[in-house]
């Protein structure tokens, strides 16, 4: 997140850590890819969405299939 040559941050972690990591990434002006599930509750998800929208940055929810047997 601190590197100037990084434009996008992919957050692949447990939902409990995402609100803080989204906050840090937004503060660093990074675009986001957030792996599903993106929140532990609707309220938490809406709070992150509001922060992302207010920042004017792009964010997409992703679904990594690298461990899916069909993809492997």
PDB file of N, CA and C in Angstrom:
ATOM      1  N   UNK A   1       0.826  -1.193   0.000  1.00  0.00           N
ATOM      2  CA  UNK A   1       0.000   0.000   0.000  1.00  0.00           C
ATOM      3  C   UNK A   1       0.869   1.255   0.000  1.00  0.00           C
ATOM      4  N   UNK A   2       2.022   1.184   0.605  1.00  0.00           N
ATOM      5  CA  UNK A   2       2.891   2.356   0.695  1.00  0.00           C
ATOM      6  C   UNK A   2       3.686   2.633  -0.571  1.00  0.00           C
ATOM      7  N   UNK A   3       3.797   1.656  -1.455  1.00  0.00           N
ATOM      8  CA  UNK A   3       4.623   1.817  -2.648  1.00  0.00           C
ATOM      9  C   UNK A   3       3.962   2.748  -3.661  1.00  0.00           C
ATOM     10  N   UNK A   4       4.735   3.692  -4.162  1.00  0.00           N
ATOM     11  CA  UNK A   4       4.219   4.656  -5.134  1.00  0.00           C
ATOM     12  C   UNK A   4       3.971   4.013  -6.493  1.00  0.00           C
ATOM     13  N   UNK A   5       4.664   2.910  -6.793  1.00  0.00           N
ATOM     14  CA  UNK A   5       4.522   2.277  -8.111  1.00  0.00           C
ATOM     15  C   UNK A   5       3.395   1.246  -8.148  1.00  0.00           C
ATOM     16  N   UNK A   6       2.611   1.148  -7.108  1.00  0.00           N
ATOM     17  CA  UNK A   6       1.462   0.239  -7.047  1.00  0.00           C
ATOM     18  C   UNK A   6       0.182   1.061  -7.164  1.00  0.00           C
ATOM     19  N   UNK A   7      -0.638   0.709  -8.161  1.00  0.00           N
ATOM     20  CA  UNK A   7      -1.877   1.441  -8.391  1.00  0.00           C
ATOM     21  C   UNK A   7      -3.106   0.757  -7.808  1.00  0.00           C
ATOM     22  N   UNK A   8      -3.040  -0.585  -7.701  1.00  0.00           N
ATOM     23  CA  UNK A   8      -4.191  -1.376  -7.273  1.00  0.00           C
ATOM     24  C   UNK A   8      -3.776  -2.314  -6.155  1.00  0.00           C
ATOM     25  N   UNK A   9      -4.635  -2.438  -5.166  1.00  0.00           N
ATOM     26  CA  UNK A   9      -4.396  -3.351  -4.056  1.00  0.00           C
ATOM     27  C   UNK A   9      -5.475  -4.434  -4.091  1.00  0.00           C
ATOM     28  N   UNK A  10      -5.052  -5.685  -4.021  1.00  0.00           N
ATOM     29  CA  UNK A  10      -5.980  -6.810  -3.956  1.00  0.00           C
ATOM     30  C   UNK A  10      -6.045  -7.267  -2.508  1.00  0.00           C
ATOM     31  N   UNK A  11      -7.217  -7.198  -1.932  1.00  0.00           N
ATOM     32  CA  UNK A  11      -7.408  -7.595  -0.538  1.00  0.00           C
ATOM     33  C   UNK A  11      -8.034  -8.985  -0.487  1.00  0.00           C
ATOM     34  N   UNK A  12      -7.221  -9.955  -0.117  1.00  0.00           N
ATOM     35  CA  UNK A  12      -7.656 -11.356  -0.003  1.00  0.00           C
ATOM     36  C   UNK A  12      -7.431 -11.785   1.434  1.00  0.00           C
ATOM     37  N   UNK A  13      -8.396 -11.538   2.265  1.00  0.00           N
ATOM     38  CA  UNK A  13      -8.246 -11.864   3.677  1.00  0.00           C
ATOM     39  C   UNK A  13      -9.629 -12.113   4.278  1.00  0.00           C
ATOM     40  N   UNK A  14      -9.657 -12.400   5.534  1.00  0.00           N
ATOM     41  CA  UNK A  14     -10.927 -12.636   6.210  1.00  0.00           C
ATOM     42  C   UNK A  14     -11.716 -11.331   6.314  1.00  0.00           C
ATOM     43  N   UNK A  15     -13.039 -11.399   6.247  1.00  0.00           N
ATOM     44  CA  UNK A  15     -13.859 -10.192   6.276  1.00  0.00           C
ATOM     45  C   UNK A  15     -13.625  -9.299   7.496  1.00  0.00           C
ATOM     46  N   UNK A  16     -13.234  -9.866   8.621  1.00  0.00           N
ATOM     47  CA  UNK A  16     -13.019  -9.056   9.824  1.00  0.00           C
ATOM     48  C   UNK A  16     -11.915  -8.018   9.632  1.00  0.00           C
ATOM     49  N   UNK A  17     -10.961  -8.293   8.747  1.00  0.00           N
ATOM     50  CA  UNK A  17      -9.849  -7.371   8.528  1.00  0.00           C
ATOM     51  C   UNK A  17     -10.113  -6.348   7.432  1.00  0.00           C
ATOM     52  N   UNK A  18     -11.111  -6.573   6.615  1.00  0.00           N
ATOM     53  CA  UNK A  18     -11.329  -5.729   5.446  1.00  0.00           C
ATOM     54  C   UNK A  18     -11.653  -4.268   5.750  1.00  0.00           C
ATOM     55  N   UNK A  19     -12.502  -3.936   6.720  1.00  0.00           N
ATOM     56  CA  UNK A  19     -12.800  -2.514   6.934  1.00  0.00           C
ATOM     57  C   UNK A  19     -11.540  -1.668   7.166  1.00  0.00           C
ATOM     58  N   UNK A  20     -10.654  -2.145   7.996  1.00  0.00           N
ATOM     59  CA  UNK A  20      -9.421  -1.386   8.274  1.00  0.00           C
ATOM     60  C   UNK A  20      -8.515  -1.343   7.044  1.00  0.00           C
ATOM     61  N   UNK A  21      -8.393  -2.452   6.333  1.00  0.00           N
ATOM     62  CA  UNK A  21      -7.531  -2.485   5.155  1.00  0.00           C
ATOM     63  C   UNK A  21      -8.083  -1.613   4.031  1.00  0.00           C
ATOM     64  N   UNK A  22      -9.386  -1.582   3.877  1.00  0.00           N
ATOM     65  CA  UNK A  22     -10.006  -0.685   2.897  1.00  0.00           C
ATOM     66  C   UNK A  22      -9.702   0.758   3.272  1.00  0.00           C
ATOM     67  N   UNK A  23      -9.822   1.076   4.535  1.00  0.00           N
ATOM     68  CA  UNK A  23      -9.521   2.423   5.033  1.00  0.00           C
ATOM     69  C   UNK A  23      -8.070   2.820   4.715  1.00  0.00           C
ATOM     70  N   UNK A  24      -7.144   1.913   4.976  1.00  0.00           N
ATOM     71  CA  UNK A  24      -5.725   2.185   4.720  1.00  0.00           C
ATOM     72  C   UNK A  24      -5.472   2.366   3.222  1.00  0.00           C
ATOM     73  N   UNK A  25      -6.064   1.510   2.417  1.00  0.00           N
ATOM     74  CA  UNK A  25      -5.880   1.594   0.966  1.00  0.00           C
ATOM     75  C   UNK A  25      -6.459   2.897   0.413  1.00  0.00           C
ATOM     76  N   UNK A  26      -7.615   3.290   0.900  1.00  0.00           N
ATOM     77  CA  UNK A  26      -8.221   4.543   0.450  1.00  0.00           C
ATOM     78  C   UNK A  26      -7.335   5.723   0.838  1.00  0.00           C
ATOM     79  N   UNK A  27      -6.830   5.705   2.045  1.00  0.00           N
ATOM     80  CA  UNK A  27      -5.952   6.791   2.498  1.00  0.00           C
ATOM     81  C   UNK A  27      -4.705   6.895   1.616  1.00  0.00           C
ATOM     82  N   UNK A  28      -4.265   5.756   1.091  1.00  0.00           N
ATOM     83  CA  UNK A  28      -3.090   5.730   0.207  1.00  0.00           C
ATOM     84  C   UNK A  28      -3.476   5.971  -1.254  1.00  0.00           C
ATOM     85  N   UNK A  29      -4.776   6.205  -1.522  1.00  0.00           N
ATOM     86  CA  UNK A  29      -5.278   6.496  -2.865  1.00  0.00           C
ATOM     87  C   UNK A  29      -5.075   5.331  -3.835  1.00  0.00           C
ATOM     88  N   UNK A  30      -5.312   4.121  -3.344  1.00  0.00           N
ATOM     89  CA  UNK A  30      -5.178   2.920  -4.176  1.00  0.00           C
ATOM     90  C   UNK A  30      -6.544   2.434  -4.632  1.00  0.00           C
ATOM     91  N   UNK A  31      -6.604   1.984  -5.878  1.00  0.00           N
ATOM     92  CA  UNK A  31      -7.794   1.286  -6.357  1.00  0.00           C
ATOM     93  C   UNK A  31      -7.833  -0.076  -5.681  1.00  0.00           C
ATOM     94  N   UNK A  32      -9.024  -0.683  -5.639  1.00  0.00           N
ATOM     95  CA  UNK A  32      -9.179  -1.912  -4.860  1.00  0.00           C
ATOM     96  C   UNK A  32      -9.833  -3.053  -5.631  1.00  0.00           C
ATOM     97  N   UNK A  33      -9.357  -4.247  -5.360  1.00  0.00           N
ATOM     98  CA  UNK A  33     -10.057  -5.484  -5.679  1.00  0.00           C
ATOM     99  C   UNK A  33     -10.238  -6.174  -4.336  1.00  0.00           C
ATOM    100  N   UNK A  34     -11.473  -6.387  -3.946  1.00  0.00           N
ATOM    101  CA  UNK A  34     -11.771  -6.991  -2.649  1.00  0.00           C
ATOM    102  C   UNK A  34     -12.387  -8.357  -2.897  1.00  0.00           C
ATOM    103  N   UNK A  35     -11.758  -9.387  -2.365  1.00  0.00           N
ATOM    104  CA  UNK A  35     -12.268 -10.746  -2.532  1.00  0.00           C
ATOM    105  C   UNK A  35     -13.515 -10.959  -1.686  1.00  0.00           C
ATOM    106  N   UNK A  36     -14.429 -11.780  -2.197  1.00  0.00           N
ATOM    107  CA  UNK A  36     -15.652 -12.105  -1.476  1.00  0.00           C
ATOM    108  C   UNK A  36     -15.353 -13.119  -0.377  1.00  0.00           C
ATOM    109  N   UNK A  37     -16.091 -13.098   0.700  1.00  0.00           N
ATOM    110  CA  UNK A  37     -17.112 -12.129   1.070  1.00  0.00           C
ATOM    111  C   UNK A  37     -16.473 -10.799   1.495  1.00  0.00           C
ATOM    112  N   UNK A  38     -17.131  -9.712   1.172  1.00  0.00           N
ATOM    113  CA  UNK A  38     -16.532  -8.399   1.402  1.00  0.00           C
ATOM    114  C   UNK A  38     -16.859  -7.805   2.763  1.00  0.00           C
ATOM    115  N   UNK A  39     -17.778  -8.395   3.494  1.00  0.00           N
ATOM    116  CA  UNK A  39     -18.148  -7.842   4.798  1.00  0.00           C
ATOM    117  C   UNK A  39     -18.812  -8.906   5.658  1.00  0.00           C
ATOM    118  N   UNK A  40     -18.806  -8.652   6.958  1.00  0.00           N
ATOM    119  CA  UNK A  40     -19.455  -9.571   7.891  1.00  0.00           C
ATOM    120  C   UNK A  40     -20.941  -9.268   8.044  1.00  0.00           C
ATOM    121  N   UNK A  41     -21.344  -8.071   7.647  1.00  0.00           N
ATOM    122  CA  UNK A  41     -22.753  -7.695   7.756  1.00  0.00           C
ATOM    123  C   UNK A  41     -23.074  -6.687   6.659  1.00  0.00           C
ATOM    124  N   UNK A  42     -24.350  -6.494   6.424  1.00  0.00           N
ATOM    125  CA  UNK A  42     -24.774  -5.500   5.440  1.00  0.00           C
ATOM    126  C   UNK A  42     -24.313  -4.108   5.871  1.00  0.00           C
ATOM    127  N   UNK A  43     -24.465  -3.801   7.149  1.00  0.00           N
ATOM    128  CA  UNK A  43     -24.069  -2.480   7.656  1.00  0.00           C
ATOM    129  C   UNK A  43     -22.578  -2.230   7.433  1.00  0.00           C
ATOM    130  N   UNK A  44     -21.770  -3.232   7.713  1.00  0.00           N
ATOM    131  CA  UNK A  44     -20.325  -3.098   7.518  1.00  0.00           C
ATOM    132  C   UNK A  44     -20.008  -2.902   6.031  1.00  0.00           C
ATOM    133  N   UNK A  45     -20.655  -3.665   5.191  1.00  0.00           N
ATOM    134  CA  UNK A  45     -20.452  -3.526   3.755  1.00  0.00           C
ATOM    135  C   UNK A  45     -20.869  -2.164   3.240  1.00  0.00           C
ATOM    136  N   UNK A  46     -22.000  -1.660   3.716  1.00  0.00           N
ATOM    137  CA  UNK A  46     -22.472  -0.347   3.299  1.00  0.00           C
ATOM    138  C   UNK A  46     -21.545   0.764   3.776  1.00  0.00           C
ATOM    139  N   UNK A  47     -20.970   0.596   4.959  1.00  0.00           N
ATOM    140  CA  UNK A  47     -20.013   1.592   5.469  1.00  0.00           C
ATOM    141  C   UNK A  47     -18.758   1.626   4.595  1.00  0.00           C
ATOM    142  N   UNK A  48     -18.257   0.449   4.199  1.00  0.00           N
ATOM    143  CA  UNK A  48     -17.095   0.406   3.310  1.00  0.00           C
ATOM    144  C   UNK A  48     -17.438   0.998   1.952  1.00  0.00           C
ATOM    145  N   UNK A  49     -18.622   0.681   1.446  1.00  0.00           N
ATOM    146  CA  UNK A  49     -19.056   1.213   0.165  1.00  0.00           C
ATOM    147  C   UNK A  49     -19.116   2.739   0.203  1.00  0.00           C
ATOM    148  N   UNK A  50     -19.668   3.285   1.268  1.00  0.00           N
ATOM    149  CA  UNK A  50     -19.769   4.742   1.398  1.00  0.00           C
ATOM    150  C   UNK A  50     -18.380   5.383   1.403  1.00  0.00           C
ATOM    151  N   UNK A  51     -17.443   4.762   2.115  1.00  0.00           N
ATOM    152  CA  UNK A  51     -16.078   5.298   2.165  1.00  0.00           C
ATOM    153  C   UNK A  51     -15.405   5.229   0.795  1.00  0.00           C
ATOM    154  N   UNK A  52     -15.613   4.132   0.094  1.00  0.00           N
ATOM    155  CA  UNK A  52     -15.027   3.974  -1.240  1.00  0.00           C
ATOM    156  C   UNK A  52     -15.640   4.984  -2.204  1.00  0.00           C
ATOM    157  N   UNK A  53     -16.954   5.118  -2.193  1.00  0.00           N
ATOM    158  CA  UNK A  53     -17.609   6.075  -3.078  1.00  0.00           C
ATOM    159  C   UNK A  53     -17.182   7.501  -2.775  1.00  0.00           C
ATOM    160  N   UNK A  54     -17.046   7.840  -1.504  1.00  0.00           N
ATOM    161  CA  UNK A  54     -16.619   9.184  -1.117  1.00  0.00           C
ATOM    162  C   UNK A  54     -15.192   9.479  -1.574  1.00  0.00           C
ATOM    163  N   UNK A  55     -14.385   8.427  -1.676  1.00  0.00           N
ATOM    164  CA  UNK A  55     -12.984   8.614  -2.079  1.00  0.00           C
ATOM    165  C   UNK A  55     -12.840   8.876  -3.574  1.00  0.00           C
ATOM    166  N   UNK A  56     -13.841   8.455  -4.353  1.00  0.00           N
ATOM    167  CA  UNK A  56     -13.753   8.583  -5.799  1.00  0.00           C
ATOM    168  C   UNK A  56     -12.881   7.531  -6.454  1.00  0.00           C
ATOM    169  N   UNK A  57     -12.442   6.545  -5.680  1.00  0.00           N
ATOM    170  CA  UNK A  57     -11.593   5.472  -6.199  1.00  0.00           C
ATOM    171  C   UNK A  57     -12.452   4.327  -6.728  1.00  0.00           C
ATOM    172  N   UNK A  58     -11.838   3.511  -7.545  1.00  0.00           N
ATOM    173  CA  UNK A  58     -12.517   2.338  -8.092  1.00  0.00           C
ATOM    174  C   UNK A  58     -12.325   1.139  -7.170  1.00  0.00           C
ATOM    175  N   UNK A  59     -13.363   0.313  -7.097  1.00  0.00           N
ATOM    176  CA  UNK A  59     -13.298  -0.919  -6.318  1.00  0.00           C
ATOM    177  C   UNK A  59     -14.161  -1.959  -7.018  1.00  0.00           C
ATOM    178  N   UNK A  60     -13.671  -3.179  -7.037  1.00  0.00           N
ATOM    179  CA  UNK A  60     -14.442  -4.290  -7.591  1.00  0.00           C
ATOM    180  C   UNK A  60     -14.354  -5.458  -6.619  1.00  0.00           C
ATOM    181  N   UNK A  61     -15.444  -6.185  -6.491  1.00  0.00           N
ATOM    182  CA  UNK A  61     -15.437  -7.405  -5.689  1.00  0.00           C
ATOM    183  C   UNK A  61     -15.030  -8.543  -6.600  1.00  0.00           C
ATOM    184  N   UNK A  62     -14.092  -9.345  -6.146  1.00  0.00           N
ATOM    185  CA  UNK A  62     -13.597 -10.453  -6.950  1.00  0.00           C
ATOM    186  C   UNK A  62     -13.910 -11.781  -6.314  1.00  0.00           C
ATOM    187  N   UNK A  63     -13.736 -12.816  -7.113  1.00  0.00           N
ATOM    188  CA  UNK A  63     -13.948 -14.171  -6.636  1.00  0.00           C
ATOM    189  C   UNK A  63     -12.840 -15.033  -7.228  1.00  0.00           C
ATOM    190  N   UNK A  64     -11.804 -15.253  -6.459  1.00  0.00           N
ATOM    191  CA  UNK A  64     -10.665 -16.026  -6.944  1.00  0.00           C
ATOM    192  C   UNK A  64     -11.030 -17.490  -7.022  1.00  0.00           C
ATOM    193  N   UNK A  65     -10.766 -18.070  -8.159  1.00  0.00           N
ATOM    194  CA  UNK A  65     -11.067 -19.490  -8.368  1.00  0.00           C
ATOM    195  C   UNK A  65      -9.810 -20.333  -8.456  1.00  0.00           C
ATOM    196  N   UNK A  66      -8.666 -19.812  -8.026  1.00  0.00           N
ATOM    197  CA  UNK A  66      -7.410 -20.548  -8.222  1.00  0.00           C
ATOM    198  C   UNK A  66      -7.382 -21.869  -7.465  1.00  0.00           C
ATOM    199  N   UNK A  67      -8.195 -22.024  -6.428  1.00  0.00           N
ATOM    200  CA  UNK A  67      -8.215 -23.279  -5.683  1.00  0.00           C
ATOM    201  C   UNK A  67      -9.382 -24.173  -6.100  1.00  0.00           C
ATOM    202  N   UNK A  68     -10.156 -23.741  -7.062  1.00  0.00           N
ATOM    203  CA  UNK A  68     -11.290 -24.505  -7.547  1.00  0.00           C
ATOM    204  C   UNK A  68     -10.772 -25.662  -8.399  1.00  0.00           C
ATOM    205  N   UNK A  69     -11.223 -26.864  -8.154  1.00  0.00           N
ATOM    206  CA  UNK A  69     -10.736 -28.048  -8.864  1.00  0.00           C
ATOM    207  C   UNK A  69     -10.965 -27.941 -10.377  1.00  0.00           C
ATOM    208  N   UNK A  70     -12.071 -27.346 -10.778  1.00  0.00           N
ATOM    209  CA  UNK A  70     -12.351 -27.206 -12.205  1.00  0.00           C
ATOM    210  C   UNK A  70     -11.350 -26.286 -12.899  1.00  0.00           C
ATOM    211  N   UNK A  71     -10.894 -25.277 -12.195  1.00  0.00           N
ATOM    212  CA  UNK A  71      -9.915 -24.334 -12.750  1.00  0.00           C
ATOM    213  C   UNK A  71      -8.530 -24.977 -12.765  1.00  0.00           C
ATOM    214  N   UNK A  72      -8.206 -25.702 -11.704  1.00  0.00           N
ATOM    215  CA  UNK A  72      -6.894 -26.345 -11.606  1.00  0.00           C
ATOM    216  C   UNK A  72      -6.730 -27.373 -12.722  1.00  0.00           C
TER     217      UNK A  72
END
